[in-house]
């Protein structure tokens, strides 16, 4: 199961950006999420899902890329 919908809901809750306005394939920076906001968002994701996102993914720019990484980390945690 993809975490995309959950991440969209979290972005809406935290930043007020409706999922309909955030294209999963577009840069999150285009919606005003700078590097600091993205780092804070990743901390929020870690807390919500009880996971640790590896620090070696500095090039994540889209919500789809972030969802794929979260899915990968969650799957590894279950395995």
Protein backbone atom coordinates (compact mmCIF):
# COMPACT_ATOMS: atom_id res chain seq x y z
CA UNK A 1 0.00 0.00 0.00
CA UNK A 2 1.38 3.36 -0.97
CA UNK A 3 1.75 6.01 1.70
CA UNK A 4 1.08 8.77 -0.85
CA UNK A 5 -2.45 9.55 0.37
CA UNK A 6 -1.30 9.64 4.00
CA UNK A 7 1.54 12.02 3.07
CA UNK A 8 -0.86 14.24 1.12
CA UNK A 9 -3.13 14.39 4.16
CA UNK A 10 -0.19 15.21 6.41
CA UNK A 11 0.93 18.04 4.11
CA UNK A 12 -2.58 19.44 4.14
CA UNK A 13 -2.70 19.26 7.93
CA UNK A 14 0.76 20.76 8.47
CA UNK A 15 1.03 23.29 5.62
CA UNK A 16 -2.56 23.83 4.47
CA UNK A 17 -1.87 22.60 0.94
CA UNK A 18 -4.83 20.57 -0.36
CA UNK A 19 -3.88 17.25 -2.01
CA UNK A 20 -5.56 18.42 -5.23
CA UNK A 21 -2.99 21.23 -5.47
CA UNK A 22 0.08 19.05 -4.93
CA UNK A 23 1.03 17.01 -7.97
CA UNK A 24 2.93 13.94 -6.68
CA UNK A 25 5.35 14.25 -9.61
CA UNK A 26 6.05 17.98 -9.16
CA UNK A 27 8.71 19.50 -6.94
CA UNK A 28 7.46 20.12 -3.42
CA UNK A 29 9.61 23.24 -3.45
CA UNK A 30 7.25 24.73 -6.04
CA UNK A 31 4.58 24.76 -3.33
CA UNK A 32 6.83 26.63 -0.92
CA UNK A 33 8.40 23.74 0.97
CA UNK A 34 12.04 24.76 1.22
CA UNK A 35 14.83 22.51 2.53
CA UNK A 36 14.05 23.31 6.17
CA UNK A 37 10.33 22.65 5.72
CA UNK A 38 11.10 19.35 3.98
CA UNK A 39 13.41 18.31 6.82
CA UNK A 40 10.69 19.16 9.35
CA UNK A 41 8.17 17.24 7.26
CA UNK A 42 10.42 14.18 7.29
CA UNK A 43 10.62 14.38 11.09
CA UNK A 44 6.84 14.54 11.15
CA UNK A 45 6.67 11.46 8.91
CA UNK A 46 9.07 9.57 11.18
CA UNK A 47 6.91 10.35 14.20
CA UNK A 48 3.65 9.48 12.45
CA UNK A 49 4.81 6.15 11.01
CA UNK A 50 7.31 5.15 13.72
CA UNK A 51 10.13 4.84 11.19
CA UNK A 52 13.55 6.36 10.60
CA UNK A 53 14.10 7.81 7.14
CA UNK A 54 17.76 7.41 6.13
CA UNK A 55 19.72 10.66 5.83
CA UNK A 56 21.35 9.57 2.58
CA UNK A 57 18.43 10.73 0.40
CA UNK A 58 19.10 14.44 -0.06
CA UNK A 59 17.76 14.54 -3.62
CA UNK A 60 14.15 13.74 -2.78
CA UNK A 61 12.15 16.49 -4.40
CA UNK A 62 8.70 15.12 -5.21
CA UNK A 63 5.97 13.69 -3.06
CA UNK A 64 6.00 10.53 -5.18
CA UNK A 65 9.73 10.03 -4.45
CA UNK A 66 9.14 10.61 -0.76
CA UNK A 67 6.18 8.19 -0.71
CA UNK A 68 8.29 5.53 -2.43
CA UNK A 69 11.04 5.97 0.17
CA UNK A 70 8.56 5.82 3.06
CA UNK A 71 7.00 2.68 1.56
CA UNK A 72 10.45 1.10 1.26
CA UNK A 73 11.39 1.93 4.86
CA UNK A 74 8.03 0.71 6.18
CA UNK A 75 8.33 -2.55 4.23
CA UNK A 76 11.86 -3.13 5.56
CA UNK A 77 10.62 -2.53 9.11
CA UNK A 78 7.91 -5.17 8.72
CA UNK A 79 10.25 -7.72 7.13
